[in-house]
Protein backbone atom coordinates (compact mmCIF):
# COMPACT_ATOMS: atom_id res chain seq x y z
CA MET A 1 38.04 353.00 99.78
CA ILE A 2 38.23 356.88 99.16
CA ALA A 3 37.49 358.43 95.34
CA ASP A 4 38.50 361.10 95.90
CA LYS A 5 41.76 362.92 93.83
CA GLN A 6 41.16 366.40 96.14
CA TYR A 7 44.14 365.66 98.37
CA GLU A 8 47.56 365.66 99.82
CA GLU A 9 50.68 363.32 100.56
CA VAL A 10 52.83 364.53 103.20
CA THR A 11 55.07 362.99 106.25
CA ILE A 12 54.50 363.53 109.96
CA VAL A 13 57.89 364.34 111.24
CA GLU A 14 56.75 365.08 114.95
CA VAL A 15 53.32 364.11 116.83
CA HIS A 16 52.61 365.74 120.55
CA GLU A 17 50.56 365.05 122.74
CA VAL A 18 48.16 367.74 123.55
CA PRO A 19 46.29 367.87 126.89
CA ALA A 20 43.00 367.29 126.44
CA GLY A 21 43.66 364.91 123.98
CA GLY A 22 44.36 363.94 120.47
CA TRP A 23 47.95 364.85 119.17
CA SER A 24 49.39 367.58 117.44
CA ILE A 25 51.28 366.58 113.96
CA LYS A 26 53.90 368.50 112.07
CA ARG A 27 53.61 368.08 108.38
CA SER A 28 56.42 367.79 106.39
CA ASP A 29 56.19 371.38 104.56
CA GLY A 30 56.25 372.57 107.97
CA TRP A 31 52.22 372.88 108.35
CA GLU A 32 50.45 371.20 111.67
CA PHE A 33 47.64 369.81 112.37
CA TYR A 34 45.07 368.74 115.58
CA VAL A 35 44.16 364.83 115.16
CA PRO A 36 41.24 364.29 117.54
CA ALA A 37 41.54 361.56 120.63
CA GLY A 38 39.37 359.29 118.81
CA SER A 39 41.75 358.42 116.00
CA PRO A 40 41.73 354.64 115.39
CA VAL A 41 45.67 354.93 114.72
CA GLU A 42 48.43 356.45 116.61
CA PRO A 43 50.04 359.22 115.05
CA LYS A 44 53.77 358.86 114.22
CA ALA A 45 56.38 359.69 113.15
CA GLY A 46 57.30 358.80 109.22
CA MET A 47 54.11 357.45 108.75
CA THR A 48 52.25 359.24 105.11
CA ALA A 49 49.40 361.66 106.39
CA ARG A 50 46.80 362.14 103.00
CA PHE A 51 45.09 365.30 103.26
CA TYR A 52 41.23 365.75 101.37
CA GLY A 53 39.95 368.99 100.44
CA ARG A 54 41.99 372.31 98.76
CA ARG A 55 45.15 372.21 100.17
CA ILE A 56 46.34 374.77 103.10
CA GLY A 57 44.47 377.27 103.62
CA TYR A 58 40.93 375.76 103.01
CA VAL A 59 39.12 373.18 105.43
CA VAL A 60 40.73 370.09 105.57
CA ARG A 61 37.59 367.54 103.64
CA GLY A 62 39.33 363.80 105.49
CA LEU A 63 42.52 362.59 106.64
CA GLN A 64 44.67 358.87 106.29
CA LEU A 65 47.38 357.83 107.76
CA ASN A 66 49.33 355.38 106.64
CA GLY A 67 46.04 354.28 104.72
CA THR A 68 43.59 353.66 107.57
CA THR A 69 40.16 356.63 107.18
CA VAL A 70 40.58 359.16 110.45
CA PHE A 71 37.69 361.12 109.45
CA TYR A 72 35.68 362.17 106.01
CA ARG A 73 33.85 364.47 104.07
CA THR A 74 32.76 364.80 100.14
CA GLU A 75 32.68 368.08 99.44
CA ALA A 76 29.27 368.06 99.81
CA GLU A 77 28.96 366.38 103.58
CA ASP A 78 31.47 368.91 104.16
CA GLU A 79 29.35 372.44 102.81
CA LYS A 80 26.58 370.68 105.82
CA TYR A 81 28.94 370.00 108.32
CA GLN A 82 30.25 373.51 108.31
CA ARG A 83 26.88 375.53 108.47
CA GLU A 84 26.05 372.95 111.06
CA GLN A 85 28.94 374.59 112.98
CA GLN A 86 28.17 377.28 112.05
CA PHE A 87 25.67 377.57 112.91
CA GLY A 88 23.58 375.04 115.01
CA ALA A 89 22.28 371.44 112.97
CA THR A 90 18.76 372.20 115.11
CA ALA A 91 16.93 374.67 117.07
CA GLU A 92 17.54 372.38 120.42
CA GLU A 93 21.35 372.91 119.74
CA TRP A 94 20.98 376.33 119.11
CA LEU A 95 19.55 376.94 122.53
CA ARG A 96 22.65 374.71 124.23
CA ARG A 97 24.91 377.36 123.10
CA TRP A 98 22.85 379.83 124.25
CA ASP A 99 23.01 378.56 127.53
CA ALA A 100 26.11 377.48 127.59
CA GLY A 101 26.85 381.43 127.45
CA ASP A 102 29.39 379.85 124.07
CA SER A 103 27.66 383.05 121.24
CA VAL A 104 25.70 381.95 119.20
CA TRP A 105 24.38 383.39 115.25
CA SER A 106 21.20 385.87 115.55
CA VAL A 107 19.85 388.73 113.39
CA GLU A 108 20.25 391.80 114.05
CA MET A 109 16.39 393.31 114.85
CA GLY A 110 16.75 396.47 116.58
CA ARG A 111 19.95 398.71 115.71
CA LEU A 112 19.12 400.74 118.49
CA GLY A 113 21.89 400.10 121.41
CA PRO A 114 23.18 396.84 122.04
CA GLY A 115 21.45 397.00 125.64
CA TYR A 116 18.16 396.90 123.57
CA GLU A 117 18.97 394.48 120.99
CA GLN A 118 20.44 392.42 123.79
CA ALA A 119 16.58 392.38 125.19
CA ILE A 120 15.50 391.44 122.22
CA GLN A 121 18.10 387.80 121.76
CA ILE A 122 17.36 387.36 125.31
CA THR A 123 14.03 387.56 124.95
CA VAL A 124 14.81 385.00 121.64
CA ALA A 125 16.01 381.77 123.37
CA GLU A 126 13.06 382.47 126.20
CA ILE A 127 10.67 382.12 123.60
CA LEU A 128 12.31 379.28 121.73
CA ARG A 129 12.89 377.04 124.67
CA HIS A 130 8.61 377.88 125.66
CA LEU A 131 8.46 376.73 122.08
CA LEU A 132 10.39 373.44 122.13
CA ALA A 133 9.55 372.36 125.41
CA GLU A 134 6.11 372.54 124.41
CA LYS A 135 5.86 370.91 121.71
CA TYR A 136 3.89 373.50 118.81
CA ASP A 137 2.89 372.40 115.83
CA HIS A 138 3.85 375.18 113.49
CA ALA A 139 1.97 372.88 110.10
CA ASN A 140 -1.34 375.02 112.23
CA TRP A 141 0.07 378.87 112.28
CA ALA A 142 -0.70 378.73 108.07
CA ASN A 143 -4.45 378.76 109.39
CA GLU A 144 -4.98 382.79 111.36
CA ASP A 145 -6.64 380.90 114.45
CA GLY A 146 -4.11 378.23 114.18
CA TRP A 147 -2.12 381.26 115.20
CA LYS A 148 -3.81 382.97 117.38
CA LYS A 149 -4.62 380.49 119.20
CA ASP A 150 -0.95 379.54 119.69
CA LEU A 151 0.07 382.38 119.86
CA ALA A 152 -1.74 383.45 122.56
CA GLN A 153 -0.41 380.56 124.76
CA ILE A 154 3.30 381.86 124.61
CA GLU A 155 2.68 385.61 125.09
CA ALA A 156 0.91 384.30 128.44
CA ALA A 157 3.06 381.68 129.37
CA CYS A 158 6.36 383.48 128.56
CA PHE A 159 5.23 386.54 130.02
CA LYS A 160 4.84 384.63 133.56
CA ASN A 161 8.47 384.46 132.51
CA LYS A 162 10.21 386.57 134.91
CA ILE A 163 13.21 386.80 132.59
CA VAL A 164 11.25 388.34 130.24
CA SER A 165 8.86 390.21 132.47
CA ASP A 166 11.98 392.04 134.33
CA LEU A 167 13.22 393.76 131.04
CA GLY A 168 10.06 395.73 130.69
CA LEU A 169 9.80 395.12 126.12
CA SER A 170 8.28 397.44 124.13
CA GLY A 171 5.79 395.95 121.78
CA ALA A 172 8.32 395.97 119.49
CA GLN A 173 11.14 394.64 120.59
CA TRP A 174 8.68 391.53 121.42
CA GLY A 175 6.84 391.57 118.36
CA ALA A 176 11.26 391.10 116.84
CA ALA A 177 12.08 387.92 119.12
CA MET A 178 8.70 386.22 118.67
CA ASN A 179 9.84 386.60 114.96
CA VAL A 180 13.36 384.93 114.97
CA ALA A 181 12.32 382.55 117.82
CA THR A 182 9.75 381.24 116.02
CA THR A 183 11.87 381.17 112.87
CA LEU A 184 14.10 379.03 114.15
CA TYR A 185 11.53 377.12 115.92
CA MET A 186 9.83 376.96 111.70
CA ARG A 187 12.74 375.98 109.58
CA GLY A 188 16.26 375.11 111.87
CA PRO A 189 19.50 377.78 112.56
CA ILE A 190 20.46 376.83 108.69
CA ALA A 191 17.61 378.02 107.47
CA ALA A 192 16.41 380.70 109.98
CA LEU A 193 20.49 382.33 109.66
CA GLY A 194 21.99 381.13 106.25
CA GLY A 195 20.16 382.59 103.46
CA GLU A 196 20.44 385.69 101.69
CA ALA A 197 17.52 387.40 103.40
CA VAL A 198 19.58 387.94 106.17
CA LYS A 199 23.58 387.42 105.30
CA ASP A 200 23.43 391.73 106.26
CA ARG A 201 21.45 391.53 109.64
CA LEU A 202 23.73 388.57 110.81
CA ILE A 203 25.74 389.42 114.57
CA ARG A 204 26.68 386.83 117.15
CA VAL A 205 25.35 387.79 120.45
CA SER A 206 25.47 385.50 124.16
CA ARG A 207 24.09 385.78 126.99
CA ARG A 208 27.27 386.40 128.67
CA PHE A 209 26.95 390.41 127.05
CA PRO A 210 29.53 392.24 126.78
CA GLY A 211 30.99 394.19 129.91
CA ALA A 212 34.18 396.41 130.49
CA SER A 213 35.83 396.98 133.48
CA ALA A 214 37.72 399.96 134.30
């Protein structure tokens, strides 16, 4: 039993299957909600739906249908979940989203125009790809000699990467990209992008650079 008093109960008045899977349910107060295909119970008109959270206008943290739990997260679990959805739970997830062409959160580093910035963000992804593939022990980076040794290897590998070499990076662009990539690798996206220090420089970027057609 869920001991959480932050909920409201309504009656389901309409149910429609969604072509991609799951159901769209209409509540007795007129609002609609998506129930995923993995639900342990199929929603039906007349059922009682209990929604956990701060009511309309806030994220739904949990759902029960006639007493059966479809999903549930505490407030603390939901805060973590939302951050993972926003930034990616791991560096691997951040890179997977980038490779898929989805937009990802990053830090604005260039401030000299979109093309200049995009070159930095492309390089961030390629450096991160190398770091993850080689599984560097970043604990060694606290030691200057350890960092210099790994840095030489990182630079040698990434400058051989045609994606990076074709960009014609300046030293400032390379340094900016290295900063973001190593921070994502060491700390993960949530810690790297979710702090106060960078909140005013967060940007959405994508490998599918925005364009316009006549």
